[in-house]
Amino acid sequence: MRKKHGRALVEVDDEHRHQVRKDAKKLRYGAEFFATLFDDKPRARRHKRFLEKMSTMRTILAI
């Protein structure tokens, strides 16, 4: 999904936005499970940024 696709979330109702939030939570938990696979520095850094973005997205969707 591209960044521009997220703009449509402004127009959806709370129930659908909540579903996206739950899906982001599942994706983040799955990514945390596989964290040990990212053992070199560049991949670990990218993985950390991804987790931060998922957390930020969940926070924004909760508003």
Protein backbone atom coordinates (compact mmCIF):
# COMPACT_ATOMS: atom_id res chain seq x y z
CA MET A 1 0.00 0.00 0.00
CA ARG A 2 1.28 3.38 -0.87
CA LYS A 3 1.15 6.44 1.30
CA LYS A 4 -1.45 8.07 -0.94
CA HIS A 5 -3.86 5.17 -0.38
CA GLY A 6 -4.09 6.11 3.28
CA ARG A 7 -5.82 9.38 2.40
CA ALA A 8 -9.06 7.46 1.88
CA LEU A 9 -9.10 6.60 5.60
CA VAL A 10 -10.31 10.12 6.29
CA GLU A 11 -13.55 9.31 4.50
CA VAL A 12 -14.35 5.95 6.11
CA ASP A 13 -16.42 5.42 9.22
CA ASP A 14 -15.00 4.65 12.65
CA GLU A 15 -15.70 0.92 12.36
CA HIS A 16 -13.61 0.52 9.21
CA ARG A 17 -10.83 2.71 10.58
CA HIS A 18 -10.81 0.55 13.72
CA GLN A 19 -10.46 -2.57 11.56
CA VAL A 20 -7.42 -1.03 9.83
CA ARG A 21 -5.99 -0.24 13.26
CA LYS A 22 -6.43 -3.86 14.37
CA ASP A 23 -4.82 -5.10 11.15
CA ALA A 24 -1.85 -2.78 11.74
CA LYS A 25 -1.55 -4.16 15.26
CA LYS A 26 -1.46 -7.75 13.94
CA LEU A 27 1.13 -6.77 11.34
CA ARG A 28 3.30 -5.13 14.00
CA TYR A 29 3.09 -8.16 16.30
CA GLY A 30 4.02 -10.43 13.40
CA ALA A 31 6.99 -8.22 12.56
CA GLU A 32 8.10 -8.28 16.21
CA PHE A 33 7.99 -12.08 16.15
CA PHE A 34 10.46 -12.18 13.25
CA ALA A 35 12.78 -9.53 14.72
CA THR A 36 15.60 -12.03 15.33
CA LEU A 37 15.89 -12.61 11.57
CA PHE A 38 17.11 -9.05 11.07
CA ASP A 39 20.55 -9.47 12.56
CA ASP A 40 22.62 -7.12 10.41
CA LYS A 41 22.56 -3.39 11.14
CA PRO A 42 20.79 -2.04 8.03
CA ARG A 43 17.98 -4.58 8.24
CA ALA A 44 17.61 -4.15 11.99
CA ARG A 45 17.36 -0.40 11.53
CA ARG A 46 14.74 -0.79 8.78
CA HIS A 47 12.82 -3.23 10.96
CA LYS A 48 12.86 -0.80 13.87
CA ARG A 49 11.58 2.04 11.66
CA PHE A 50 8.79 -0.21 10.40
CA LEU A 51 7.70 -1.01 13.96
CA GLU A 52 7.75 2.68 14.84
CA LYS A 53 5.64 3.54 11.80
CA MET A 54 3.09 0.84 12.68
CA SER A 55 2.87 2.19 16.20
CA THR A 56 2.45 5.75 14.95
CA MET A 57 -0.21 4.69 12.49
CA ARG A 58 -2.19 2.94 15.22
CA THR A 59 -1.98 6.05 17.38
CA ILE A 60 -3.20 8.30 14.56
CA LEU A 61 -6.08 5.96 13.70
CA ALA A 62 -7.20 5.93 17.33
CA ILE A 63 -7.85 9.68 17.25
